[in-house]
Amino acid sequence: MFAALSTAYHASTVEVLAQIGDVKPAAPPGSERFLMIMSWVIWGAVIFCIVGLVIAGAMLAYQRMQGGGGDAQMKIVGAMVGAVIIGLAGTLVNTLVMP
């Protein structure tokens, strides 16, 4: 009984899913300004990561020259992790949204 019900459910699900078709996402009309602002935000985030990495490198060099320890290594790691997250953001969203 359970096997027959399970088979019927599976067959009806496959039939309904097969009728949906291949839907391609498209940007809505008038989204050009939003996409332009998003590209500026991404550009700014990349610039901030580069500047942060340069500043953290300078701090690391200064701390090494003074002979003391500090948190410059963690700032470098933070800037690198931020750059990786920014670089993967679009791919990650596309992977999660697009089956």
N, C-alpha and C. Protein backbone atom coordinates (compact mmCIF):
# COMPACT_ATOMS: atom_id res chain seq x y z
N MET A 1 0.83 -1.19 0.00
CA MET A 1 0.00 0.00 0.00
C MET A 1 0.88 1.26 0.00
N PHE A 2 1.88 1.27 0.92
CA PHE A 2 2.74 2.43 1.01
C PHE A 2 3.57 2.61 -0.25
N ALA A 3 4.04 1.51 -0.83
CA ALA A 3 4.85 1.58 -2.04
C ALA A 3 4.04 2.13 -3.20
N ALA A 4 2.78 1.72 -3.31
CA ALA A 4 1.92 2.21 -4.39
C ALA A 4 1.64 3.70 -4.22
N LEU A 5 1.42 4.13 -2.98
CA LEU A 5 1.15 5.54 -2.71
C LEU A 5 2.39 6.37 -3.00
N SER A 6 3.55 5.86 -2.61
CA SER A 6 4.80 6.56 -2.86
C SER A 6 5.08 6.67 -4.36
N THR A 7 4.82 5.63 -5.10
CA THR A 7 5.02 5.66 -6.55
C THR A 7 4.07 6.64 -7.21
N ALA A 8 2.83 6.67 -6.77
CA ALA A 8 1.85 7.61 -7.33
C ALA A 8 2.24 9.05 -7.03
N TYR A 9 2.71 9.30 -5.81
CA TYR A 9 3.15 10.66 -5.44
C TYR A 9 4.34 11.07 -6.29
N HIS A 10 5.31 10.18 -6.44
CA HIS A 10 6.49 10.49 -7.23
C HIS A 10 6.13 10.76 -8.69
N ALA A 11 5.25 9.97 -9.25
CA ALA A 11 4.85 10.14 -10.65
C ALA A 11 4.13 11.47 -10.84
N SER A 12 3.26 11.85 -9.90
CA SER A 12 2.54 13.12 -10.04
C SER A 12 3.48 14.30 -9.86
N THR A 13 4.48 14.18 -8.98
CA THR A 13 5.44 15.25 -8.78
C THR A 13 6.29 15.45 -10.02
N VAL A 14 6.77 14.37 -10.60
CA VAL A 14 7.59 14.47 -11.80
C VAL A 14 6.78 15.08 -12.94
N GLU A 15 5.52 14.72 -13.05
CA GLU A 15 4.68 15.24 -14.12
C GLU A 15 4.47 16.75 -13.95
N VAL A 16 4.24 17.21 -12.72
CA VAL A 16 4.04 18.64 -12.47
C VAL A 16 5.33 19.40 -12.71
N LEU A 17 6.45 18.88 -12.22
CA LEU A 17 7.72 19.56 -12.42
C LEU A 17 8.12 19.59 -13.88
N ALA A 18 7.75 18.60 -14.64
CA ALA A 18 8.10 18.58 -16.05
C ALA A 18 7.34 19.65 -16.83
N GLN A 19 6.20 20.09 -16.33
CA GLN A 19 5.39 21.08 -17.03
C GLN A 19 5.86 22.51 -16.78
N ILE A 20 6.70 22.72 -15.78
CA ILE A 20 7.13 24.07 -15.46
C ILE A 20 8.00 24.64 -16.56
N GLY A 21 8.90 23.86 -17.11
CA GLY A 21 9.75 24.33 -18.19
C GLY A 21 11.04 24.93 -17.67
N ASP A 22 11.79 25.49 -18.56
CA ASP A 22 13.08 26.08 -18.24
C ASP A 22 12.91 27.59 -18.15
N VAL A 23 12.91 28.11 -16.95
CA VAL A 23 12.70 29.54 -16.72
C VAL A 23 14.06 30.21 -16.53
N LYS A 24 14.32 31.21 -17.32
CA LYS A 24 15.56 31.98 -17.22
C LYS A 24 15.26 33.28 -16.49
N PRO A 25 16.02 33.60 -15.43
CA PRO A 25 15.79 34.86 -14.74
C PRO A 25 16.22 36.04 -15.61
N ALA A 26 15.46 37.10 -15.54
CA ALA A 26 15.78 38.30 -16.29
C ALA A 26 15.60 39.51 -15.39
N ALA A 27 16.40 40.51 -15.62
CA ALA A 27 16.30 41.74 -14.83
C ALA A 27 15.00 42.46 -15.18
N PRO A 28 14.33 43.02 -14.18
CA PRO A 28 13.09 43.74 -14.46
C PRO A 28 13.37 45.04 -15.20
N PRO A 29 12.37 45.59 -15.87
CA PRO A 29 12.57 46.86 -16.57
C PRO A 29 12.94 47.97 -15.59
N GLY A 30 13.85 48.80 -15.99
CA GLY A 30 14.26 49.92 -15.15
C GLY A 30 15.30 49.55 -14.10
N SER A 31 15.91 48.40 -14.20
CA SER A 31 16.88 47.99 -13.19
C SER A 31 18.30 48.43 -13.52
N GLU A 32 18.49 49.16 -14.58
CA GLU A 32 19.83 49.57 -14.99
C GLU A 32 20.50 50.43 -13.92
N ARG A 33 19.75 51.35 -13.32
CA ARG A 33 20.33 52.22 -12.30
C ARG A 33 20.74 51.42 -11.07
N PHE A 34 19.90 50.48 -10.65
CA PHE A 34 20.23 49.65 -9.50
C PHE A 34 21.48 48.83 -9.78
N LEU A 35 21.58 48.25 -10.96
CA LEU A 35 22.76 47.46 -11.31
C LEU A 35 24.01 48.33 -11.38
N MET A 36 23.86 49.58 -11.84
CA MET A 36 24.98 50.50 -11.87
C MET A 36 25.44 50.82 -10.44
N ILE A 37 24.51 51.06 -9.53
CA ILE A 37 24.86 51.35 -8.14
C ILE A 37 25.53 50.13 -7.50
N MET A 38 25.01 48.92 -7.80
CA MET A 38 25.63 47.71 -7.26
C MET A 38 27.06 47.54 -7.77
N SER A 39 27.31 47.86 -9.03
CA SER A 39 28.67 47.75 -9.55
C SER A 39 29.59 48.76 -8.87
N TRP A 40 29.08 49.95 -8.55
CA TRP A 40 29.88 50.93 -7.82
C TRP A 40 30.18 50.43 -6.40
N VAL A 41 29.20 49.83 -5.75
CA VAL A 41 29.41 49.30 -4.40
C VAL A 41 30.47 48.20 -4.41
N ILE A 42 30.38 47.30 -5.38
CA ILE A 42 31.37 46.23 -5.48
C ILE A 42 32.76 46.81 -5.76
N TRP A 43 32.83 47.80 -6.64
CA TRP A 43 34.10 48.45 -6.95
C TRP A 43 34.68 49.09 -5.69
N GLY A 44 33.84 49.78 -4.91
CA GLY A 44 34.30 50.39 -3.67
C GLY A 44 34.76 49.36 -2.66
N ALA A 45 34.07 48.24 -2.56
CA ALA A 45 34.47 47.19 -1.62
C ALA A 45 35.82 46.61 -2.00
N VAL A 46 36.06 46.42 -3.28
CA VAL A 46 37.36 45.91 -3.73
C VAL A 46 38.47 46.92 -3.41
N ILE A 47 38.20 48.19 -3.63
CA ILE A 47 39.19 49.22 -3.31
C ILE A 47 39.49 49.23 -1.82
N PHE A 48 38.45 49.11 -0.97
CA PHE A 48 38.66 49.09 0.47
C PHE A 48 39.50 47.88 0.88
N CYS A 49 39.28 46.74 0.26
CA CYS A 49 40.09 45.55 0.57
C CYS A 49 41.55 45.77 0.20
N ILE A 50 41.78 46.37 -0.94
CA ILE A 50 43.16 46.63 -1.38
C ILE A 50 43.83 47.61 -0.44
N VAL A 51 43.14 48.69 -0.10
CA VAL A 51 43.70 49.68 0.82
C VAL A 51 43.95 49.05 2.19
N GLY A 52 43.00 48.25 2.67
CA GLY A 52 43.18 47.59 3.95
C GLY A 52 44.37 46.65 3.95
N LEU A 53 44.56 45.94 2.86
CA LEU A 53 45.70 45.03 2.76
C LEU A 53 47.03 45.80 2.74
N VAL A 54 47.07 46.92 2.05
CA VAL A 54 48.29 47.74 2.01
C VAL A 54 48.59 48.32 3.39
N ILE A 55 47.56 48.83 4.07
CA ILE A 55 47.76 49.40 5.41
C ILE A 55 48.19 48.32 6.39
N ALA A 56 47.56 47.15 6.33
CA ALA A 56 47.95 46.06 7.23
C ALA A 56 49.38 45.61 6.95
N GLY A 57 49.80 45.58 5.68
CA GLY A 57 51.18 45.24 5.35
C GLY A 57 52.16 46.26 5.90
N ALA A 58 51.81 47.53 5.82
CA ALA A 58 52.67 48.58 6.38
C ALA A 58 52.74 48.45 7.90
N MET A 59 51.61 48.15 8.53
CA MET A 59 51.61 47.96 9.98
C MET A 59 52.47 46.77 10.38
N LEU A 60 52.40 45.69 9.61
CA LEU A 60 53.21 44.51 9.89
C LEU A 60 54.69 44.85 9.78
N ALA A 61 55.07 45.57 8.76
CA ALA A 61 56.47 45.95 8.59
C ALA A 61 56.93 46.85 9.74
N TYR A 62 56.09 47.78 10.14
CA TYR A 62 56.45 48.69 11.24
C TYR A 62 56.58 47.92 12.56
N GLN A 63 55.65 46.99 12.81
CA GLN A 63 55.71 46.21 14.04
C GLN A 63 56.95 45.31 14.07
N ARG A 64 57.31 44.74 12.93
CA ARG A 64 58.51 43.90 12.86
C ARG A 64 59.77 44.74 13.09
N MET A 65 59.76 45.96 12.55
CA MET A 65 60.91 46.84 12.70
C MET A 65 61.08 47.27 14.15
N GLN A 66 59.99 47.46 14.87
CA GLN A 66 60.04 47.86 16.27
C GLN A 66 60.30 46.68 17.20
N GLY A 67 60.17 45.47 16.69
CA GLY A 67 60.45 44.29 17.49
C GLY A 67 59.29 43.85 18.36
N GLY A 68 58.15 44.43 18.22
CA GLY A 68 57.01 44.06 19.04
C GLY A 68 55.99 43.26 18.26
N GLY A 69 55.14 42.61 19.01
CA GLY A 69 54.07 41.86 18.38
C GLY A 69 52.85 42.75 18.19
N GLY A 70 51.96 42.32 17.40
CA GLY A 70 50.76 43.11 17.17
C GLY A 70 49.71 42.27 16.47
N ASP A 71 48.68 42.95 16.03
CA ASP A 71 47.58 42.25 15.38
C ASP A 71 47.55 42.49 13.87
N ALA A 72 48.67 42.86 13.30
CA ALA A 72 48.70 43.13 11.86
C ALA A 72 48.46 41.87 11.05
N GLN A 73 48.89 40.72 11.55
CA GLN A 73 48.65 39.46 10.82
C GLN A 73 47.17 39.20 10.67
N MET A 74 46.41 39.44 11.74
CA MET A 74 44.97 39.21 11.68
C MET A 74 44.28 40.21 10.75
N LYS A 75 44.81 41.42 10.67
CA LYS A 75 44.24 42.40 9.74
C LYS A 75 44.50 41.98 8.29
N ILE A 76 45.66 41.42 8.03
CA ILE A 76 45.95 40.93 6.68
C ILE A 76 45.02 39.77 6.34
N VAL A 77 44.85 38.86 7.27
CA VAL A 77 43.94 37.73 7.04
C VAL A 77 42.52 38.23 6.83
N GLY A 78 42.10 39.22 7.62
CA GLY A 78 40.76 39.78 7.46
C GLY A 78 40.55 40.43 6.10
N ALA A 79 41.56 41.16 5.62
CA ALA A 79 41.46 41.78 4.30
C ALA A 79 41.40 40.72 3.21
N MET A 80 42.17 39.65 3.36
CA MET A 80 42.15 38.58 2.35
C MET A 80 40.81 37.84 2.36
N VAL A 81 40.28 37.56 3.54
CA VAL A 81 38.98 36.88 3.63
C VAL A 81 37.89 37.77 3.03
N GLY A 82 37.96 39.06 3.32
CA GLY A 82 36.98 39.99 2.73
C GLY A 82 37.05 40.02 1.22
N ALA A 83 38.26 40.01 0.68
CA ALA A 83 38.42 40.00 -0.78
C ALA A 83 37.88 38.72 -1.39
N VAL A 84 38.09 37.59 -0.72
CA VAL A 84 37.57 36.32 -1.24
C VAL A 84 36.05 36.31 -1.20
N ILE A 85 35.46 36.81 -0.12
CA ILE A 85 34.00 36.85 -0.02
C ILE A 85 33.40 37.76 -1.08
N ILE A 86 34.03 38.91 -1.32
CA ILE A 86 33.54 39.82 -2.36
C ILE A 86 33.64 39.15 -3.72
N GLY A 87 34.75 38.46 -3.97
CA GLY A 87 34.93 37.80 -5.26
C GLY A 87 33.96 36.65 -5.48
N LEU A 88 33.58 35.96 -4.42
CA LEU A 88 32.68 34.82 -4.54
C LEU A 88 31.21 35.18 -4.40
N ALA A 89 30.89 36.41 -4.06
CA ALA A 89 29.50 36.77 -3.77
C ALA A 89 28.57 36.51 -4.94
N GLY A 90 28.94 36.96 -6.13
CA GLY A 90 28.08 36.74 -7.29
C GLY A 90 27.93 35.28 -7.64
N THR A 91 29.03 34.56 -7.61
CA THR A 91 28.99 33.13 -7.91
C THR A 91 28.17 32.38 -6.88
N LEU A 92 28.32 32.74 -5.61
CA LEU A 92 27.59 32.07 -4.55
C LEU A 92 26.09 32.29 -4.69
N VAL A 93 25.69 33.51 -4.96
CA VAL A 93 24.27 33.80 -5.12
C VAL A 93 23.71 33.08 -6.35
N ASN A 94 24.43 33.09 -7.45
CA ASN A 94 23.97 32.38 -8.65
C ASN A 94 23.85 30.89 -8.41
N THR A 95 24.78 30.33 -7.64
CA THR A 95 24.72 28.90 -7.35
C THR A 95 23.53 28.57 -6.47
N LEU A 96 23.23 29.40 -5.49
CA LEU A 96 22.11 29.14 -4.59
C LEU A 96 20.76 29.39 -5.25
N VAL A 97 20.67 30.38 -6.12
CA VAL A 97 19.40 30.74 -6.74
C VAL A 97 19.12 29.85 -7.95
N MET A 98 20.12 29.61 -8.76
CA MET A 98 19.93 28.82 -9.99
C MET A 98 20.16 27.34 -9.66
N PRO A 99 19.18 26.49 -9.94
CA PRO A 99 19.39 25.06 -9.65
C PRO A 99 20.33 24.41 -10.63
